[in-house]
Amino acid sequence: MLVDLLAALNSGPGALADLETALDGVTRAFRAGRASALGAIFRPRIDRILFAATKADHLHHADHDRLEAALRLMTARAIARAEGLGTSIDVVALAAVRATREAEIRHDGETLPAIVGTPEAGEKIAGQVFDGIAEAAVFPGRLPDDPAAAISGEALALPEADNDWRFVRFRPPLAGRGAPPPHIRLDRALQFLIGDRLA
């Protein structure tokens, strides 16, 4: 399940509560658990569920574990139910196409981890509106160490007019001819989901 947790974090506690309810409802619709050989033909079951927090490239890699922990906490009920039925579960922060690269910026004598990318046309950072061509270096902020603080929304609460400054939308990079686009942990997700079937 692909989960845009960053968009919900931008939108505040109400959106986070709605997302948690939606994730729980969707996983209840799954026929989770291990199936017998005959059951796999006539009544297949889902034996693996991957919860993937998308847009990991919009955060510095130091926050990827925090993003995974927040998603794991948000899906704890669904995970417990599915694991009780014998389903394997994993949680990962990933980006199928990495739109940013990491850098360091100096601000007020302090070195901060940053991400660099090309904001989509119309994106605004510190009052500057971008045209979809110019690059920007952004300090994306940090997720709290406590995942409960992240999903409560209180630690990230911002005024309504400024509530999406942390997670700017970036254009995907221009990949070289024949070269695969860069990604974050897409290989780990595929290994978990279908790795043993390819061996």
C-alpha atoms as a PDB file:
ATOM      1  CA  MET A   1       0.000   0.000   0.000  1.00  0.00           C
ATOM      2  CA  LEU A   2       1.445   3.338  -1.063  1.00  0.00           C
ATOM      3  CA  VAL A   3       0.842   5.980   1.587  1.00  0.00           C
ATOM      4  CA  ASP A   4       1.464   9.704   1.081  1.00  0.00           C
ATOM      5  CA  LEU A   5       2.141  10.336   4.751  1.00  0.00           C
ATOM      6  CA  LEU A   6       3.976  13.595   4.051  1.00  0.00           C
ATOM      7  CA  ALA A   7       0.859  15.161   2.506  1.00  0.00           C
ATOM      8  CA  ALA A   8      -1.152  14.147   5.575  1.00  0.00           C
ATOM      9  CA  LEU A   9       1.552  15.553   7.875  1.00  0.00           C
ATOM     10  CA  ASN A  10       1.342  18.832   5.931  1.00  0.00           C
ATOM     11  CA  SER A  11      -2.429  18.962   6.347  1.00  0.00           C
ATOM     12  CA  GLY A  12      -2.501  18.423  10.097  1.00  0.00           C
ATOM     13  CA  PRO A  13      -4.115  16.183  12.723  1.00  0.00           C
ATOM     14  CA  GLY A  14      -7.488  15.846  10.947  1.00  0.00           C
ATOM     15  CA  ALA A  15      -5.905  14.517   7.762  1.00  0.00           C
ATOM     16  CA  LEU A  16      -3.718  12.141   9.777  1.00  0.00           C
ATOM     17  CA  ALA A  17      -6.758  10.745  11.608  1.00  0.00           C
ATOM     18  CA  ASP A  18      -8.596  10.314   8.291  1.00  0.00           C
ATOM     19  CA  LEU A  19      -5.595   8.558   6.771  1.00  0.00           C
ATOM     20  CA  GLU A  20      -5.297   6.180   9.733  1.00  0.00           C
ATOM     21  CA  THR A  21      -8.998   5.289   9.476  1.00  0.00           C
ATOM     22  CA  ALA A  22      -8.737   4.788   5.709  1.00  0.00           C
ATOM     23  CA  LEU A  23      -5.682   2.521   6.013  1.00  0.00           C
ATOM     24  CA  ASP A  24      -7.398   0.413   8.652  1.00  0.00           C
ATOM     25  CA  GLY A  25     -10.541   0.133   6.506  1.00  0.00           C
ATOM     26  CA  VAL A  26      -8.638  -0.834   3.373  1.00  0.00           C
ATOM     27  CA  THR A  27      -6.643  -3.543   5.123  1.00  0.00           C
ATOM     28  CA  ARG A  28      -9.857  -4.993   6.578  1.00  0.00           C
ATOM     29  CA  ALA A  29     -11.018  -5.567   2.997  1.00  0.00           C
ATOM     30  CA  PHE A  30      -7.948  -7.734   2.269  1.00  0.00           C
ATOM     31  CA  ARG A  31      -8.255 -11.496   2.524  1.00  0.00           C
ATOM     32  CA  ALA A  32      -5.059 -11.754   4.534  1.00  0.00           C
ATOM     33  CA  GLY A  33      -3.330 -14.893   5.717  1.00  0.00           C
ATOM     34  CA  ARG A  34      -1.683 -18.012   4.425  1.00  0.00           C
ATOM     35  CA  ALA A  35      -3.634 -20.264   2.081  1.00  0.00           C
ATOM     36  CA  SER A  36      -3.326 -23.988   1.569  1.00  0.00           C
ATOM     37  CA  ALA A  37      -2.169 -25.242  -1.827  1.00  0.00           C
ATOM     38  CA  LEU A  38      -5.775 -25.873  -2.904  1.00  0.00           C
ATOM     39  CA  GLY A  39      -6.994 -22.658  -1.314  1.00  0.00           C
ATOM     40  CA  ALA A  40      -4.366 -20.683  -3.234  1.00  0.00           C
ATOM     41  CA  ILE A  41      -6.138 -21.686  -6.449  1.00  0.00           C
ATOM     42  CA  PHE A  42      -9.780 -21.216  -5.437  1.00  0.00           C
ATOM     43  CA  ARG A  43      -9.599 -18.692  -2.584  1.00  0.00           C
ATOM     44  CA  PRO A  44      -6.276 -16.873  -2.826  1.00  0.00           C
ATOM     45  CA  ARG A  45      -5.096 -14.906   0.163  1.00  0.00           C
ATOM     46  CA  ILE A  46      -2.677 -12.048   0.604  1.00  0.00           C
ATOM     47  CA  ASP A  47       0.391 -13.391   2.366  1.00  0.00           C
ATOM     48  CA  ARG A  48       2.444 -10.148   2.268  1.00  0.00           C
ATOM     49  CA  ILE A  49       1.542  -6.543   2.840  1.00  0.00           C
ATOM     50  CA  LEU A  50       4.015  -3.720   2.342  1.00  0.00           C
ATOM     51  CA  PHE A  51       3.150  -0.299   3.749  1.00  0.00           C
ATOM     52  CA  ALA A  52       5.274   2.180   1.797  1.00  0.00           C
ATOM     53  CA  ALA A  53       5.611   5.826   2.800  1.00  0.00           C
ATOM     54  CA  THR A  54       6.148   7.541  -0.538  1.00  0.00           C
ATOM     55  CA  LYS A  55       8.193  10.651  -1.367  1.00  0.00           C
ATOM     56  CA  ALA A  56      11.112   9.693   0.868  1.00  0.00           C
ATOM     57  CA  ASP A  57      13.235  11.860  -1.418  1.00  0.00           C
ATOM     58  CA  HIS A  58      11.454  14.919   0.017  1.00  0.00           C
ATOM     59  CA  LEU A  59      13.246  14.292   3.330  1.00  0.00           C
ATOM     60  CA  HIS A  60      16.903  13.948   4.232  1.00  0.00           C
ATOM     61  CA  HIS A  61      17.905  10.287   4.667  1.00  0.00           C
ATOM     62  CA  ALA A  62      18.352  10.898   8.408  1.00  0.00           C
ATOM     63  CA  ASP A  63      14.547  11.178   8.655  1.00  0.00           C
ATOM     64  CA  HIS A  64      13.658   8.051   6.681  1.00  0.00           C
ATOM     65  CA  ASP A  65      13.655   5.853   9.805  1.00  0.00           C
ATOM     66  CA  ARG A  66      11.373   8.372  11.539  1.00  0.00           C
ATOM     67  CA  LEU A  67       8.996   8.343   8.568  1.00  0.00           C
ATOM     68  CA  GLU A  68       8.887   4.532   8.673  1.00  0.00           C
ATOM     69  CA  ALA A  69       8.299   4.574  12.445  1.00  0.00           C
ATOM     70  CA  ALA A  70       5.415   7.034  12.068  1.00  0.00           C
ATOM     71  CA  LEU A  71       3.795   4.874   9.376  1.00  0.00           C
ATOM     72  CA  ARG A  72       4.333   1.721  11.457  1.00  0.00           C
ATOM     73  CA  LEU A  73       2.593   3.372  14.408  1.00  0.00           C
ATOM     74  CA  MET A  74      -0.237   4.647  12.225  1.00  0.00           C
ATOM     75  CA  THR A  75      -0.852   1.144  10.828  1.00  0.00           C
ATOM     76  CA  ALA A  76      -0.283  -0.735  14.105  1.00  0.00           C
ATOM     77  CA  ARG A  77      -3.867  -2.087  14.304  1.00  0.00           C
ATOM     78  CA  ALA A  78      -3.823  -3.298  10.709  1.00  0.00           C
ATOM     79  CA  ILE A  79      -0.375  -4.832  11.179  1.00  0.00           C
ATOM     80  CA  ALA A  80      -1.416  -6.704  14.344  1.00  0.00           C
ATOM     81  CA  ARG A  81      -4.543  -8.066  12.655  1.00  0.00           C
ATOM     82  CA  ALA A  82      -2.695  -9.188   9.503  1.00  0.00           C
ATOM     83  CA  GLU A  83       0.225 -10.739  11.400  1.00  0.00           C
ATOM     84  CA  GLY A  84      -2.275 -12.641  13.536  1.00  0.00           C
ATOM     85  CA  LEU A  85      -3.533 -14.269  10.324  1.00  0.00           C
ATOM     86  CA  GLY A  86      -0.020 -15.242   9.238  1.00  0.00           C
ATOM     87  CA  THR A  87       0.633 -12.407   6.809  1.00  0.00           C
ATOM     88  CA  SER A  88       4.167 -11.028   6.516  1.00  0.00           C
ATOM     89  CA  ILE A  89       4.349  -7.260   6.968  1.00  0.00           C
ATOM     90  CA  ASP A  90       7.023  -4.704   6.175  1.00  0.00           C
ATOM     91  CA  VAL A  91       7.096  -0.915   6.375  1.00  0.00           C
ATOM     92  CA  VAL A  92       9.432   1.131   4.191  1.00  0.00           C
ATOM     93  CA  ALA A  93      10.077   4.742   3.239  1.00  0.00           C
ATOM     94  CA  LEU A  94      10.691   4.849  -0.505  1.00  0.00           C
ATOM     95  CA  ALA A  95      10.720   6.920  -3.655  1.00  0.00           C
ATOM     96  CA  ALA A  96      10.099   5.068  -6.907  1.00  0.00           C
ATOM     97  CA  VAL A  97      11.736   7.973  -8.745  1.00  0.00           C
ATOM     98  CA  ARG A  98      14.149  10.077  -6.738  1.00  0.00           C
ATOM     99  CA  ALA A  99      13.551  13.743  -7.565  1.00  0.00           C
ATOM    100  CA  THR A 100      16.152  15.256  -5.201  1.00  0.00           C
ATOM    101  CA  ARG A 101      19.719  14.853  -4.072  1.00  0.00           C
ATOM    102  CA  GLU A 102      21.185  15.593  -0.660  1.00  0.00           C
ATOM    103  CA  ALA A 103      23.450  18.480   0.274  1.00  0.00           C
ATOM    104  CA  GLU A 104      24.417  20.629   3.233  1.00  0.00           C
ATOM    105  CA  ILE A 105      23.606  24.325   3.604  1.00  0.00           C
ATOM    106  CA  ARG A 106      24.934  26.862   6.056  1.00  0.00           C
ATOM    107  CA  HIS A 107      22.418  29.040   7.839  1.00  0.00           C
ATOM    108  CA  ASP A 108      23.280  31.393  10.719  1.00  0.00           C
ATOM    109  CA  GLY A 109      26.627  29.645  11.186  1.00  0.00           C
ATOM    110  CA  GLU A 110      24.998  26.210  11.423  1.00  0.00           C
ATOM    111  CA  THR A 111      25.323  23.409   8.877  1.00  0.00           C
ATOM    112  CA  LEU A 112      21.951  21.890   8.029  1.00  0.00           C
ATOM    113  CA  PRO A 113      21.110  18.792   5.984  1.00  0.00           C
ATOM    114  CA  ALA A 114      19.232  19.825   2.853  1.00  0.00           C
ATOM    115  CA  ILE A 115      17.713  18.416  -0.291  1.00  0.00           C
ATOM    116  CA  VAL A 116      18.218  19.913  -3.737  1.00  0.00           C
ATOM    117  CA  GLY A 117      15.816  19.540  -6.623  1.00  0.00           C
ATOM    118  CA  THR A 118      13.712  21.338  -9.194  1.00  0.00           C
ATOM    119  CA  PRO A 119      10.428  22.490  -7.635  1.00  0.00           C
ATOM    120  CA  GLU A 120       7.370  22.059  -9.851  1.00  0.00           C
ATOM    121  CA  ALA A 121       6.161  25.181 -11.639  1.00  0.00           C
ATOM    122  CA  GLY A 122       4.152  27.330  -9.241  1.00  0.00           C
ATOM    123  CA  GLU A 123       5.744  25.955  -6.064  1.00  0.00           C
ATOM    124  CA  LYS A 124       6.622  28.680  -3.574  1.00  0.00           C
ATOM    125  CA  ILE A 125       9.605  28.634  -1.212  1.00  0.00           C
ATOM    126  CA  ALA A 126      10.268  31.594   1.095  1.00  0.00           C
ATOM    127  CA  GLY A 127       8.099  33.818  -1.074  1.00  0.00           C
ATOM    128  CA  GLN A 128       9.808  32.858  -4.335  1.00  0.00           C
ATOM    129  CA  VAL A 129       7.602  31.204  -6.971  1.00  0.00           C
ATOM    130  CA  PHE A 130       9.454  28.645  -9.080  1.00  0.00           C
ATOM    131  CA  ASP A 131       9.147  28.118 -12.815  1.00  0.00           C
ATOM    132  CA  GLY A 132       9.809  24.362 -12.983  1.00  0.00           C
ATOM    133  CA  ILE A 133      13.337  24.920 -14.333  1.00  0.00           C
ATOM    134  CA  ALA A 134      15.379  26.518 -11.528  1.00  0.00           C
ATOM    135  CA  GLU A 135      16.754  24.330  -8.747  1.00  0.00           C
ATOM    136  CA  ALA A 136      16.351  25.015  -5.053  1.00  0.00           C
ATOM    137  CA  ALA A 137      18.077  23.814  -1.911  1.00  0.00           C
ATOM    138  CA  VAL A 138      15.567  23.221   0.859  1.00  0.00           C
ATOM    139  CA  PHE A 139      15.926  22.395   4.529  1.00  0.00           C
ATOM    140  CA  PRO A 140      12.897  20.103   4.816  1.00  0.00           C
ATOM    141  CA  GLY A 141      12.730  20.184   8.596  1.00  0.00           C
ATOM    142  CA  ARG A 142      12.971  17.143  10.823  1.00  0.00           C
ATOM    143  CA  LEU A 143      10.365  14.680  11.875  1.00  0.00           C
ATOM    144  CA  PRO A 144      10.154  14.210  15.647  1.00  0.00           C
ATOM    145  CA  ASP A 145      12.107  11.324  17.198  1.00  0.00           C
ATOM    146  CA  ASP A 146       8.858  10.119  18.777  1.00  0.00           C
ATOM    147  CA  PRO A 147       6.557   8.762  16.040  1.00  0.00           C
ATOM    148  CA  ALA A 148       3.518   9.489  18.214  1.00  0.00           C
ATOM    149  CA  ALA A 149       4.428  13.196  18.138  1.00  0.00           C
ATOM    150  CA  ALA A 150       4.690  13.062  14.340  1.00  0.00           C
ATOM    151  CA  ILE A 151       1.283  11.486  13.762  1.00  0.00           C
ATOM    152  CA  SER A 152      -0.445  13.584  16.394  1.00  0.00           C
ATOM    153  CA  GLY A 153       0.350  16.517  14.139  1.00  0.00           C
ATOM    154  CA  GLU A 154       1.155  18.759  17.095  1.00  0.00           C
ATOM    155  CA  ALA A 155       4.902  18.762  16.521  1.00  0.00           C
ATOM    156  CA  LEU A 156       4.403  19.813  12.898  1.00  0.00           C
ATOM    157  CA  ALA A 157       1.501  22.200  13.381  1.00  0.00           C
ATOM    158  CA  LEU A 158       1.958  25.320  11.302  1.00  0.00           C
ATOM    159  CA  PRO A 159      -0.261  28.300  10.546  1.00  0.00           C
ATOM    160  CA  GLU A 160      -2.820  27.472   7.838  1.00  0.00           C
ATOM    161  CA  ALA A 161      -1.131  29.753   5.283  1.00  0.00           C
ATOM    162  CA  ASP A 162       2.237  28.088   5.822  1.00  0.00           C
ATOM    163  CA  ASN A 163       1.185  24.501   6.388  1.00  0.00           C
ATOM    164  CA  ASP A 164       3.039  22.993   3.429  1.00  0.00           C
ATOM    165  CA  TRP A 165       6.440  24.663   3.555  1.00  0.00           C
ATOM    166  CA  ARG A 166       8.182  21.504   4.638  1.00  0.00           C
ATOM    167  CA  PHE A 167       7.383  19.221   1.734  1.00  0.00           C
ATOM    168  CA  VAL A 168       7.802  20.962  -1.599  1.00  0.00           C
ATOM    169  CA  ARG A 169       6.708  19.103  -4.753  1.00  0.00           C
ATOM    170  CA  PHE A 170       9.695  18.412  -7.006  1.00  0.00           C
ATOM    171  CA  ARG A 171       9.878  17.497 -10.678  1.00  0.00           C
ATOM    172  CA  PRO A 172      11.340  14.087 -11.493  1.00  0.00           C
ATOM    173  CA  PRO A 173      14.899  14.230 -12.826  1.00  0.00           C
ATOM    174  CA  LEU A 174      15.803  13.942 -16.478  1.00  0.00           C
ATOM    175  CA  ALA A 175      17.239  10.438 -16.762  1.00  0.00           C
ATOM    176  CA  GLY A 176      20.010   9.677 -19.207  1.00  0.00           C
ATOM    177  CA  ARG A 177      19.098   7.672 -22.273  1.00  0.00           C
ATOM    178  CA  GLY A 178      18.745   4.016 -21.327  1.00  0.00           C
ATOM    179  CA  ALA A 179      19.614   4.725 -17.693  1.00  0.00           C
ATOM    180  CA  PRO A 180      17.077   3.789 -15.040  1.00  0.00           C
ATOM    181  CA  PRO A 181      15.823   6.671 -12.922  1.00  0.00           C
ATOM    182  CA  PRO A 182      17.294   6.920  -9.425  1.00  0.00           C
ATOM    183  CA  HIS A 183      15.147   5.560  -6.594  1.00  0.00           C
ATOM    184  CA  ILE A 184      15.128   5.043  -2.842  1.00  0.00           C
ATOM    185  CA  ARG A 185      14.503   1.508  -1.524  1.00  0.00           C
ATOM    186  CA  LEU A 186      12.413   0.337  -4.481  1.00  0.00           C
ATOM    187  CA  ASP A 187      14.690  -2.708  -4.618  1.00  0.00           C
ATOM    188  CA  ARG A 188      13.939  -3.504  -0.966  1.00  0.00           C
ATOM    189  CA  ALA A 189      10.194  -3.286  -1.635  1.00  0.00           C
ATOM    190  CA  LEU A 190      10.418  -5.608  -4.640  1.00  0.00           C
ATOM    191  CA  GLN A 191      12.615  -8.060  -2.749  1.00  0.00           C
ATOM    192  CA  PHE A 192      10.041  -8.276   0.047  1.00  0.00           C
ATOM    193  CA  LEU A 193       7.057  -8.635  -2.299  1.00  0.00           C
ATOM    194  CA  ILE A 194       8.340 -10.946  -5.036  1.00  0.00           C
ATOM    195  CA  GLY A 195      11.976 -11.792  -4.326  1.00  0.00           C
ATOM    196  CA  ASP A 196      11.431 -15.446  -3.452  1.00  0.00           C
ATOM    197  CA  ARG A 197       9.241 -15.961  -6.514  1.00  0.00           C
ATOM    198  CA  LEU A 198      12.103 -14.876  -8.790  1.00  0.00           C
ATOM    199  CA  ALA A 199      14.747 -17.071  -7.141  1.00  0.00           C
END
